[in-house]
PDB file of N, CA and C in Angstrom:
ATOM      1  N   MET A   1       0.861  -1.256   0.154  1.00  0.00           N
ATOM      2  CA  MET A   1       0.210  -0.060   0.082  1.00  0.00           C
ATOM      3  C   MET A   1       0.888   1.242  -0.042  1.00  0.00           C
ATOM      4  N   LEU A   2       1.893   1.128   0.589  1.00  0.00           N
ATOM      5  CA  LEU A   2       2.883   2.446   0.707  1.00  0.00           C
ATOM      6  C   LEU A   2       3.419   2.599  -0.521  1.00  0.00           C
ATOM      7  N   ALA A   3       3.815   1.478  -1.461  1.00  0.00           N
ATOM      8  CA  ALA A   3       4.141   1.934  -2.956  1.00  0.00           C
ATOM      9  C   ALA A   3       3.186   2.230  -3.632  1.00  0.00           C
ATOM     10  N   ALA A   4       1.967   1.951  -3.434  1.00  0.00           N
ATOM     11  CA  ALA A   4       0.912   2.533  -4.247  1.00  0.00           C
ATOM     12  C   ALA A   4       0.762   3.802  -3.998  1.00  0.00           C
ATOM     13  N   LEU A   5       0.696   4.144  -2.686  1.00  0.00           N
ATOM     14  CA  LEU A   5       0.535   5.763  -2.230  1.00  0.00           C
ATOM     15  C   LEU A   5       1.723   6.548  -2.997  1.00  0.00           C
ATOM     16  N   VAL A   6       2.823   6.077  -2.809  1.00  0.00           N
ATOM     17  CA  VAL A   6       4.006   6.811  -3.540  1.00  0.00           C
ATOM     18  C   VAL A   6       3.842   6.975  -4.993  1.00  0.00           C
ATOM     19  N   LEU A   7       3.457   5.912  -5.523  1.00  0.00           N
ATOM     20  CA  LEU A   7       3.296   5.809  -7.101  1.00  0.00           C
ATOM     21  C   LEU A   7       2.123   6.878  -7.469  1.00  0.00           C
ATOM     22  N   ASP A   8       0.933   7.042  -6.703  1.00  0.00           N
ATOM     23  CA  ASP A   8       0.027   7.777  -6.795  1.00  0.00           C
ATOM     24  C   ASP A   8       0.647   9.293  -6.578  1.00  0.00           C
ATOM     25  N   ILE A   9       1.113   9.611  -5.608  1.00  0.00           N
ATOM     26  CA  ILE A   9       1.677  10.731  -5.504  1.00  0.00           C
ATOM     27  C   ILE A   9       2.352  11.337  -6.520  1.00  0.00           C
ATOM     28  N   VAL A  10       3.196  10.692  -7.097  1.00  0.00           N
ATOM     29  CA  VAL A  10       4.012  10.965  -8.262  1.00  0.00           C
ATOM     30  C   VAL A  10       3.245  11.095  -9.660  1.00  0.00           C
ATOM     31  N   GLY A  11       2.119  10.653  -9.585  1.00  0.00           N
ATOM     32  CA  GLY A  11       1.260  10.866 -10.659  1.00  0.00           C
ATOM     33  C   GLY A  11       1.201   9.523 -11.751  1.00  0.00           C
ATOM     34  N   VAL A  12       1.575   8.436 -11.050  1.00  0.00           N
ATOM     35  CA  VAL A  12       1.340   7.184 -11.884  1.00  0.00           C
ATOM     36  C   VAL A  12       0.025   6.762 -12.222  1.00  0.00           C
ATOM     37  N   ASP A  13      -0.547   6.564 -13.357  1.00  0.00           N
ATOM     38  CA  ASP A  13      -1.778   5.912 -13.604  1.00  0.00           C
ATOM     39  C   ASP A  13      -2.254   4.942 -12.870  1.00  0.00           C
ATOM     40  N   PRO A  14      -3.459   5.011 -12.232  1.00  0.00           N
ATOM     41  CA  PRO A  14      -4.028   3.996 -11.254  1.00  0.00           C
ATOM     42  C   PRO A  14      -4.132   2.507 -11.982  1.00  0.00           C
ATOM     43  N   ASP A  15      -4.263   2.334 -13.175  1.00  0.00           N
ATOM     44  CA  ASP A  15      -4.367   1.009 -13.720  1.00  0.00           C
ATOM     45  C   ASP A  15      -2.832   0.518 -13.810  1.00  0.00           C
ATOM     46  N   ALA A  16      -1.917   1.319 -13.757  1.00  0.00           N
ATOM     47  CA  ALA A  16      -0.395   0.894 -13.880  1.00  0.00           C
ATOM     48  C   ALA A  16      -0.309   0.534 -12.410  1.00  0.00           C
ATOM     49  N   ILE A  17      -0.733   1.248 -11.515  1.00  0.00           N
ATOM     50  CA  ILE A  17      -0.492   0.926  -9.947  1.00  0.00           C
ATOM     51  C   ILE A  17      -1.180  -0.587  -9.658  1.00  0.00           C
ATOM     52  N   VAL A  18      -2.255  -0.713 -10.276  1.00  0.00           N
ATOM     53  CA  VAL A  18      -2.921  -2.135  -9.813  1.00  0.00           C
ATOM     54  C   VAL A  18      -2.108  -3.087 -10.608  1.00  0.00           C
ATOM     55  N   ALA A  19      -1.799  -2.896 -11.726  1.00  0.00           N
ATOM     56  CA  ALA A  19      -1.050  -3.986 -12.544  1.00  0.00           C
ATOM     57  C   ALA A  19       0.350  -4.242 -11.791  1.00  0.00           C
ATOM     58  N   ASP A  20       1.044  -3.235 -11.042  1.00  0.00           N
ATOM     59  CA  ASP A  20       2.236  -3.387 -10.361  1.00  0.00           C
ATOM     60  C   ASP A  20       1.917  -4.124  -9.029  1.00  0.00           C
ATOM     61  N   TYR A  21       0.886  -3.838  -8.438  1.00  0.00           N
ATOM     62  CA  TYR A  21       0.546  -4.535  -7.244  1.00  0.00           C
ATOM     63  C   TYR A  21       0.197  -6.055  -7.678  1.00  0.00           C
ATOM     64  N   VAL A  22      -0.211  -6.361  -8.647  1.00  0.00           N
ATOM     65  CA  VAL A  22      -0.445  -7.724  -9.041  1.00  0.00           C
ATOM     66  C   VAL A  22       0.521  -8.584  -9.247  1.00  0.00           C
ATOM     67  N   ILE A  23       1.732  -8.049  -9.780  1.00  0.00           N
ATOM     68  CA  ILE A  23       2.772  -8.711  -9.853  1.00  0.00           C
ATOM     69  C   ILE A  23       3.459  -9.271  -8.549  1.00  0.00           C
ATOM     70  N   THR A  24       3.045  -8.746  -7.345  1.00  0.00           N
ATOM     71  CA  THR A  24       3.326  -9.194  -6.143  1.00  0.00           C
ATOM     72  C   THR A  24       2.705 -10.692  -6.025  1.00  0.00           C
ATOM     73  N   ALA A  25       1.733 -11.071  -6.658  1.00  0.00           N
ATOM     74  CA  ALA A  25       1.088 -12.408  -6.369  1.00  0.00           C
ATOM     75  C   ALA A  25       2.059 -13.398  -6.757  1.00  0.00           C
ATOM     76  N   GLY A  26       2.778 -13.165  -7.763  1.00  0.00           N
ATOM     77  CA  GLY A  26       3.789 -14.284  -8.137  1.00  0.00           C
ATOM     78  C   GLY A  26       4.938 -14.397  -7.169  1.00  0.00           C
ATOM     79  N   ARG A  27       5.193 -13.290  -6.422  1.00  0.00           N
ATOM     80  CA  ARG A  27       6.283 -13.311  -5.409  1.00  0.00           C
ATOM     81  C   ARG A  27       5.832 -13.763  -3.909  1.00  0.00           C
ATOM     82  N   MET A  28       4.385 -14.034  -3.791  1.00  0.00           N
ATOM     83  CA  MET A  28       4.262 -14.070  -2.314  1.00  0.00           C
ATOM     84  C   MET A  28       4.695 -15.313  -1.663  1.00  0.00           C
ATOM     85  N   GLU A  29       4.991 -16.188  -2.380  1.00  0.00           N
ATOM     86  CA  GLU A  29       5.532 -17.526  -1.774  1.00  0.00           C
ATOM     87  C   GLU A  29       6.964 -17.132  -1.236  1.00  0.00           C
ATOM     88  N   LEU A  30       7.749 -16.377  -2.051  1.00  0.00           N
ATOM     89  CA  LEU A  30       9.160 -16.025  -1.536  1.00  0.00           C
ATOM     90  C   LEU A  30       8.872 -15.077  -0.484  1.00  0.00           C
ATOM     91  N   ILE A  31       8.098 -14.057  -0.508  1.00  0.00           N
ATOM     92  CA  ILE A  31       7.809 -13.132   0.424  1.00  0.00           C
ATOM     93  C   ILE A  31       7.499 -13.597   1.880  1.00  0.00           C
ATOM     94  N   LEU A  32       6.599 -14.605   1.889  1.00  0.00           N
ATOM     95  CA  LEU A  32       5.951 -15.226   2.927  1.00  0.00           C
ATOM     96  C   LEU A  32       7.068 -16.116   3.689  1.00  0.00           C
ATOM     97  N   GLY A  33       7.958 -16.824   2.736  1.00  0.00           N
ATOM     98  CA  GLY A  33       8.863 -17.642   3.094  1.00  0.00           C
ATOM     99  C   GLY A  33      10.011 -16.839   4.079  1.00  0.00           C
ATOM    100  N   ARG A  34      10.241 -15.708   3.394  1.00  0.00           N
ATOM    101  CA  ARG A  34      11.251 -14.908   4.353  1.00  0.00           C
ATOM    102  C   ARG A  34      10.856 -14.585   5.707  1.00  0.00           C
ATOM    103  N   TYR A  35       9.490 -14.128   5.840  1.00  0.00           N
ATOM    104  CA  TYR A  35       8.813 -13.827   6.984  1.00  0.00           C
ATOM    105  C   TYR A  35       8.661 -15.107   7.908  1.00  0.00           C
ATOM    106  N   GLN A  36       8.220 -16.087   7.324  1.00  0.00           N
ATOM    107  CA  GLN A  36       8.161 -17.424   8.128  1.00  0.00           C
ATOM    108  C   GLN A  36       9.608 -17.784   8.749  1.00  0.00           C
ATOM    109  N   ALA A  37      10.678 -17.350   7.891  1.00  0.00           N
ATOM    110  CA  ALA A  37      12.068 -18.013   8.470  1.00  0.00           C
ATOM    111  C   ALA A  37      12.189 -17.150   9.831  1.00  0.00           C
ATOM    112  N   ASP A  38      11.463 -16.106  10.095  1.00  0.00           N
ATOM    113  CA  ASP A  38      11.903 -15.629  11.457  1.00  0.00           C
ATOM    114  C   ASP A  38      11.020 -15.827  12.292  1.00  0.00           C
ATOM    115  N   PRO A  39      11.219 -16.497  13.550  1.00  0.00           N
ATOM    116  CA  PRO A  39      10.357 -17.195  14.471  1.00  0.00           C
ATOM    117  C   PRO A  39       9.422 -16.325  14.946  1.00  0.00           C
ATOM    118  N   GLY A  40       9.723 -14.983  14.963  1.00  0.00           N
ATOM    119  CA  GLY A  40       8.879 -13.925  15.739  1.00  0.00           C
ATOM    120  C   GLY A  40       7.749 -13.744  14.787  1.00  0.00           C
ATOM    121  N   PHE A  41       8.259 -13.435  13.651  1.00  0.00           N
ATOM    122  CA  PHE A  41       7.061 -13.367  12.457  1.00  0.00           C
ATOM    123  C   PHE A  41       6.046 -14.502  12.145  1.00  0.00           C
ATOM    124  N   ALA A  42       6.765 -15.560  12.160  1.00  0.00           N
ATOM    125  CA  ALA A  42       6.315 -16.774  11.907  1.00  0.00           C
ATOM    126  C   ALA A  42       5.205 -17.174  12.984  1.00  0.00           C
ATOM    127  N   GLU A  43       5.336 -16.883  14.096  1.00  0.00           N
ATOM    128  CA  GLU A  43       4.467 -17.106  15.309  1.00  0.00           C
ATOM    129  C   GLU A  43       3.212 -16.169  15.024  1.00  0.00           C
ATOM    130  N   ARG A  44       3.387 -14.842  14.858  1.00  0.00           N
ATOM    131  CA  ARG A  44       2.340 -13.870  14.554  1.00  0.00           C
ATOM    132  C   ARG A  44       1.581 -14.354  13.273  1.00  0.00           C
ATOM    133  N   MET A  45       2.444 -14.766  12.198  1.00  0.00           N
ATOM    134  CA  MET A  45       1.667 -15.153  10.896  1.00  0.00           C
ATOM    135  C   MET A  45       0.882 -16.163  11.235  1.00  0.00           C
ATOM    136  N   ALA A  46       0.856 -17.053  11.877  1.00  0.00           N
ATOM    137  CA  ALA A  46       0.141 -18.373  12.263  1.00  0.00           C
ATOM    138  C   ALA A  46      -1.212 -18.095  12.698  1.00  0.00           C
ATOM    139  N   THR A  47      -1.382 -16.814  13.387  1.00  0.00           N
ATOM    140  CA  THR A  47      -2.686 -16.390  13.864  1.00  0.00           C
ATOM    141  C   THR A  47      -3.454 -15.384  12.890  1.00  0.00           C
ATOM    142  N   VAL A  48      -3.040 -15.440  11.850  1.00  0.00           N
ATOM    143  CA  VAL A  48      -3.612 -14.631  10.727  1.00  0.00           C
ATOM    144  C   VAL A  48      -4.243 -15.518   9.739  1.00  0.00           C
ATOM    145  N   PRO A  49      -5.576 -15.287   9.362  1.00  0.00           N
ATOM    146  CA  PRO A  49      -6.145 -16.093   8.290  1.00  0.00           C
ATOM    147  C   PRO A  49      -5.247 -15.947   6.945  1.00  0.00           C
ATOM    148  N   ALA A  50      -5.040 -17.088   6.228  1.00  0.00           N
ATOM    149  CA  ALA A  50      -4.230 -17.217   5.092  1.00  0.00           C
ATOM    150  C   ALA A  50      -4.762 -16.185   3.846  1.00  0.00           C
ATOM    151  N   ASN A  51      -6.040 -16.024   3.984  1.00  0.00           N
ATOM    152  CA  ASN A  51      -6.628 -15.074   2.660  1.00  0.00           C
ATOM    153  C   ASN A  51      -5.948 -13.775   2.927  1.00  0.00           C
ATOM    154  N   ARG A  52      -5.488 -13.302   4.101  1.00  0.00           N
ATOM    155  CA  ARG A  52      -4.882 -11.887   4.348  1.00  0.00           C
ATOM    156  C   ARG A  52      -3.769 -11.830   3.575  1.00  0.00           C
ATOM    157  N   PHE A  53      -3.213 -13.047   3.013  1.00  0.00           N
ATOM    158  CA  PHE A  53      -1.843 -12.854   2.472  1.00  0.00           C
ATOM    159  C   PHE A  53      -2.043 -12.989   0.792  1.00  0.00           C
ATOM    160  N   SER A  54      -3.345 -12.894   0.589  1.00  0.00           N
ATOM    161  CA  SER A  54      -3.521 -12.993  -1.036  1.00  0.00           C
ATOM    162  C   SER A  54      -3.324 -11.563  -1.628  1.00  0.00           C
ATOM    163  N   VAL A  55      -3.236 -11.610  -2.686  1.00  0.00           N
ATOM    164  CA  VAL A  55      -3.000 -10.274  -3.661  1.00  0.00           C
ATOM    165  C   VAL A  55      -3.956 -10.469  -4.941  1.00  0.00           C
ATOM    166  N   GLU A  56      -4.875  -9.371  -4.678  1.00  0.00           N
ATOM    167  CA  GLU A  56      -6.019  -9.344  -5.798  1.00  0.00           C
ATOM    168  C   GLU A  56      -6.189  -7.891  -6.196  1.00  0.00           C
ATOM    169  N   ALA A  57      -6.318  -7.791  -7.460  1.00  0.00           N
ATOM    170  CA  ALA A  57      -6.374  -6.556  -8.223  1.00  0.00           C
ATOM    171  C   ALA A  57      -7.453  -5.810  -7.445  1.00  0.00           C
ATOM    172  N   GLN A  58      -8.818  -6.289  -7.134  1.00  0.00           N
ATOM    173  CA  GLN A  58      -9.748  -5.613  -6.428  1.00  0.00           C
ATOM    174  C   GLN A  58      -9.514  -4.965  -5.351  1.00  0.00           C
ATOM    175  N   SER A  59      -8.444  -5.589  -4.528  1.00  0.00           N
ATOM    176  CA  SER A  59      -8.149  -4.891  -3.245  1.00  0.00           C
ATOM    177  C   SER A  59      -7.397  -3.500  -3.500  1.00  0.00           C
ATOM    178  N   MET A  60      -6.394  -3.463  -4.512  1.00  0.00           N
ATOM    179  CA  MET A  60      -5.801  -2.354  -4.861  1.00  0.00           C
ATOM    180  C   MET A  60      -6.784  -1.328  -5.500  1.00  0.00           C
ATOM    181  N   GLU A  61      -7.579  -1.677  -6.335  1.00  0.00           N
ATOM    182  CA  GLU A  61      -8.529  -0.932  -6.930  1.00  0.00           C
ATOM    183  C   GLU A  61      -9.611  -0.217  -5.785  1.00  0.00           C
ATOM    184  N   ARG A  62      -9.921  -0.888  -4.907  1.00  0.00           N
ATOM    185  CA  ARG A  62     -10.781  -0.372  -3.788  1.00  0.00           C
ATOM    186  C   ARG A  62      -9.972   0.776  -2.824  1.00  0.00           C
ATOM    187  N   PHE A  63      -8.690   0.317  -2.654  1.00  0.00           N
ATOM    188  CA  PHE A  63      -7.803   1.170  -1.962  1.00  0.00           C
ATOM    189  C   PHE A  63      -7.666   2.582  -2.577  1.00  0.00           C
ATOM    190  N   LEU A  64      -7.418   2.441  -4.029  1.00  0.00           N
ATOM    191  CA  LEU A  64      -7.231   3.758  -4.847  1.00  0.00           C
ATOM    192  C   LEU A  64      -8.523   4.629  -4.751  1.00  0.00           C
ATOM    193  N   ALA A  65      -9.542   3.753  -4.923  1.00  0.00           N
ATOM    194  CA  ALA A  65     -11.043   4.386  -5.094  1.00  0.00           C
ATOM    195  C   ALA A  65     -11.184   5.105  -3.760  1.00  0.00           C
ATOM    196  N   GLU A  66     -10.860   4.508  -2.631  1.00  0.00           N
ATOM    197  CA  GLU A  66     -11.209   5.246  -1.183  1.00  0.00           C
ATOM    198  C   GLU A  66     -10.146   6.252  -1.082  1.00  0.00           C
ATOM    199  N   LEU A  67      -8.990   6.216  -1.442  1.00  0.00           N
ATOM    200  CA  LEU A  67      -7.886   7.284  -1.521  1.00  0.00           C
ATOM    201  C   LEU A  67      -8.326   8.473  -2.161  1.00  0.00           C
ATOM    202  N   TYR A  68      -9.162   8.434  -3.387  1.00  0.00           N
ATOM    203  CA  TYR A  68      -9.492   9.319  -4.173  1.00  0.00           C
ATOM    204  C   TYR A  68     -10.832  10.012  -3.625  1.00  0.00           C
ATOM    205  N   ASN A  69     -11.721   9.062  -2.984  1.00  0.00           N
ATOM    206  CA  ASN A  69     -13.190   9.451  -2.575  1.00  0.00           C
ATOM    207  C   ASN A  69     -13.014  10.333  -1.387  1.00  0.00           C
ATOM    208  N   ARG A  70     -12.151   9.707  -0.287  1.00  0.00           N
ATOM    209  CA  ARG A  70     -11.999  10.267   1.019  1.00  0.00           C
ATOM    210  C   ARG A  70     -11.026  11.583   0.807  1.00  0.00           C
ATOM    211  N   PHE A  71     -10.000  11.595  -0.004  1.00  0.00           N
ATOM    212  CA  PHE A  71      -8.885  12.497   0.244  1.00  0.00           C
ATOM    213  C   PHE A  71      -8.626  13.457  -0.981  1.00  0.00           C
ATOM    214  N   GLY A  72      -9.043  12.681  -2.222  1.00  0.00           N
ATOM    215  CA  GLY A  72      -8.631  13.372  -3.566  1.00  0.00           C
ATOM    216  C   GLY A  72      -7.534  13.063  -4.153  1.00  0.00           C
ATOM    217  N   GLY A  73      -6.874  11.608  -3.549  1.00  0.00           N
ATOM    218  CA  GLY A  73      -5.640  11.204  -3.989  1.00  0.00           C
ATOM    219  C   GLY A  73      -4.631  11.272  -3.070  1.00  0.00           C
ATOM    220  N   GLY A  74      -3.575  10.836  -3.453  1.00  0.00           N
ATOM    221  CA  GLY A  74      -2.532  10.546  -2.536  1.00  0.00           C
ATOM    222  C   GLY A  74      -1.620  11.835  -2.248  1.00  0.00           C
ATOM    223  N   ARG A  75      -1.653  12.580  -3.440  1.00  0.00           N
ATOM    224  CA  ARG A  75      -0.782  14.027  -2.898  1.00  0.00           C
ATOM    225  C   ARG A  75      -1.730  14.929  -1.953  1.00  0.00           C
ATOM    226  N   ALA A  76      -3.116  14.864  -2.105  1.00  0.00           N
ATOM    227  CA  ALA A  76      -3.933  15.544  -1.207  1.00  0.00           C
ATOM    228  C   ALA A  76      -3.835  14.995   0.246  1.00  0.00           C
ATOM    229  N   TRP A  77      -3.947  13.695   0.156  1.00  0.00           N
ATOM    230  CA  TRP A  77      -3.779  12.964   1.440  1.00  0.00           C
ATOM    231  C   TRP A  77      -2.549  13.368   2.106  1.00  0.00           C
ATOM    232  N   ALA A  78      -1.253  13.458   1.463  1.00  0.00           N
ATOM    233  CA  ALA A  78      -0.089  13.737   2.127  1.00  0.00           C
ATOM    234  C   ALA A  78      -0.013  15.083   2.596  1.00  0.00           C
ATOM    235  N   VAL A  79      -0.462  15.924   1.884  1.00  0.00           N
ATOM    236  CA  VAL A  79      -0.417  17.490   2.083  1.00  0.00           C
ATOM    237  C   VAL A  79      -1.531  17.638   3.488  1.00  0.00           C
ATOM    238  N   ALA A  80      -2.566  17.044   3.440  1.00  0.00           N
ATOM    239  CA  ALA A  80      -3.453  17.096   4.704  1.00  0.00           C
ATOM    240  C   ALA A  80      -2.792  16.461   5.777  1.00  0.00           C
ATOM    241  N   ALA A  81      -2.003  15.624   5.730  1.00  0.00           N
ATOM    242  CA  ALA A  81      -1.373  14.960   6.667  1.00  0.00           C
ATOM    243  C   ALA A  81      -0.038  15.705   7.202  1.00  0.00           C
ATOM    244  N   GLY A  82       0.319  16.793   6.372  1.00  0.00           N
ATOM    245  CA  GLY A  82       1.464  17.703   7.007  1.00  0.00           C
ATOM    246  C   GLY A  82       2.551  17.793   6.000  1.00  0.00           C
ATOM    247  N   VAL A  83       2.505  16.893   5.109  1.00  0.00           N
ATOM    248  CA  VAL A  83       3.808  17.016   4.051  1.00  0.00           C
ATOM    249  C   VAL A  83       3.761  17.989   3.461  1.00  0.00           C
ATOM    250  N   ALA A  84       4.938  18.843   3.326  1.00  0.00           N
ATOM    251  CA  ALA A  84       4.896  20.101   2.338  1.00  0.00           C
ATOM    252  C   ALA A  84       4.741  19.581   0.832  1.00  0.00           C
ATOM    253  N   PRO A  85       4.024  20.495   0.210  1.00  0.00           N
ATOM    254  CA  PRO A  85       3.954  20.253  -1.533  1.00  0.00           C
ATOM    255  C   PRO A  85       5.481  20.022  -2.141  1.00  0.00           C
ATOM    256  N   GLU A  86       6.323  21.011  -1.400  1.00  0.00           N
ATOM    257  CA  GLU A  86       7.708  21.107  -2.069  1.00  0.00           C
ATOM    258  C   GLU A  86       8.299  19.810  -1.896  1.00  0.00           C
ATOM    259  N   SER A  87       8.202  18.944  -0.571  1.00  0.00           N
ATOM    260  CA  SER A  87       8.638  17.661  -0.419  1.00  0.00           C
ATOM    261  C   SER A  87       8.230  16.714  -1.509  1.00  0.00           C
ATOM    262  N   LEU A  88       6.839  16.699  -1.851  1.00  0.00           N
ATOM    263  CA  LEU A  88       6.404  16.034  -2.498  1.00  0.00           C
ATOM    264  C   LEU A  88       6.685  16.200  -4.244  1.00  0.00           C
ATOM    265  N   ASP A  89       7.155  17.486  -4.426  1.00  0.00           N
ATOM    266  CA  ASP A  89       7.828  17.780  -5.653  1.00  0.00           C
ATOM    267  C   ASP A  89       9.154  17.124  -5.694  1.00  0.00           C
ATOM    268  N   ARG A  90       9.861  17.057  -4.606  1.00  0.00           N
ATOM    269  CA  ARG A  90      11.154  16.559  -4.561  1.00  0.00           C
ATOM    270  C   ARG A  90      11.201  15.160  -4.676  1.00  0.00           C
ATOM    271  N   VAL A  91      10.121  14.685  -4.295  1.00  0.00           N
ATOM    272  CA  VAL A  91       9.841  13.219  -4.381  1.00  0.00           C
ATOM    273  C   VAL A  91       9.840  12.820  -5.751  1.00  0.00           C
ATOM    274  N   GLU A  92       8.858  13.454  -6.458  1.00  0.00           N
ATOM    275  CA  GLU A  92       8.885  13.284  -7.835  1.00  0.00           C
ATOM    276  C   GLU A  92      10.182  13.507  -8.842  1.00  0.00           C
ATOM    277  N   ASP A  93      11.015  14.616  -8.311  1.00  0.00           N
ATOM    278  CA  ASP A  93      12.366  14.729  -9.002  1.00  0.00           C
ATOM    279  C   ASP A  93      13.237  13.499  -8.713  1.00  0.00           C
ATOM    280  N   LEU A  94      13.149  13.014  -7.357  1.00  0.00           N
ATOM    281  CA  LEU A  94      14.060  11.916  -7.142  1.00  0.00           C
ATOM    282  C   LEU A  94      13.774  10.556  -7.876  1.00  0.00           C
ATOM    283  N   LEU A  95      12.476  10.512  -8.171  1.00  0.00           N
ATOM    284  CA  LEU A  95      11.815   9.080  -8.533  1.00  0.00           C
ATOM    285  C   LEU A  95      11.694   8.966  -9.982  1.00  0.00           C
ATOM    286  N   LEU A  96      11.358  10.044 -10.694  1.00  0.00           N
ATOM    287  CA  LEU A  96      10.922  10.093 -12.015  1.00  0.00           C
ATOM    288  C   LEU A  96      11.995  10.626 -12.880  1.00  0.00           C
ATOM    289  N   GLU A  97      11.961  10.189 -14.252  1.00  0.00           N
ATOM    290  CA  GLU A  97      12.783  10.782 -15.104  1.00  0.00           C
ATOM    291  C   GLU A  97      12.231  11.764 -15.890  1.00  0.00           C
ATOM    292  N   PRO A  98      13.046  12.905 -16.167  1.00  0.00           N
ATOM    293  CA  PRO A  98      12.562  13.955 -16.751  1.00  0.00           C
ATOM    294  C   PRO A  98      11.761  13.513 -18.239  1.00  0.00           C
ATOM    295  N   ARG A  99      10.503  14.293 -18.234  1.00  0.00           N
ATOM    296  CA  ARG A  99       9.982  13.972 -19.569  1.00  0.00           C
ATOM    297  C   ARG A  99      10.710  14.557 -20.737  1.00  0.00           C
ATOM    298  N   PRO A 100      10.691  13.846 -21.877  1.00  0.00           N
ATOM    299  CA  PRO A 100      11.360  14.385 -23.120  1.00  0.00           C
ATOM    300  C   PRO A 100      10.636  15.855 -23.740  1.00  0.00           C
TER     301      PRO A 100
END
């Protein structure tokens, strides 16, 4: 969700954010394996229903829809949370290549 928020803040198309999120599904076994290798995480993970570790496009679509419905998007959310617009501009400068 954090990656999706950052991608939205820098202006990535929501469909591309969803597509990026769905790629995670193919890596979940590896991701969960790393967490399960840590006894502290493994113990906590055992108490969480398995469906909480699924990756579905609809989950990200709902997240982005709520982000826009409630706050007007990631950038508006960040500004309302106290992040200076100039800082958000700097994030764009750091993460995006200049357009030709």
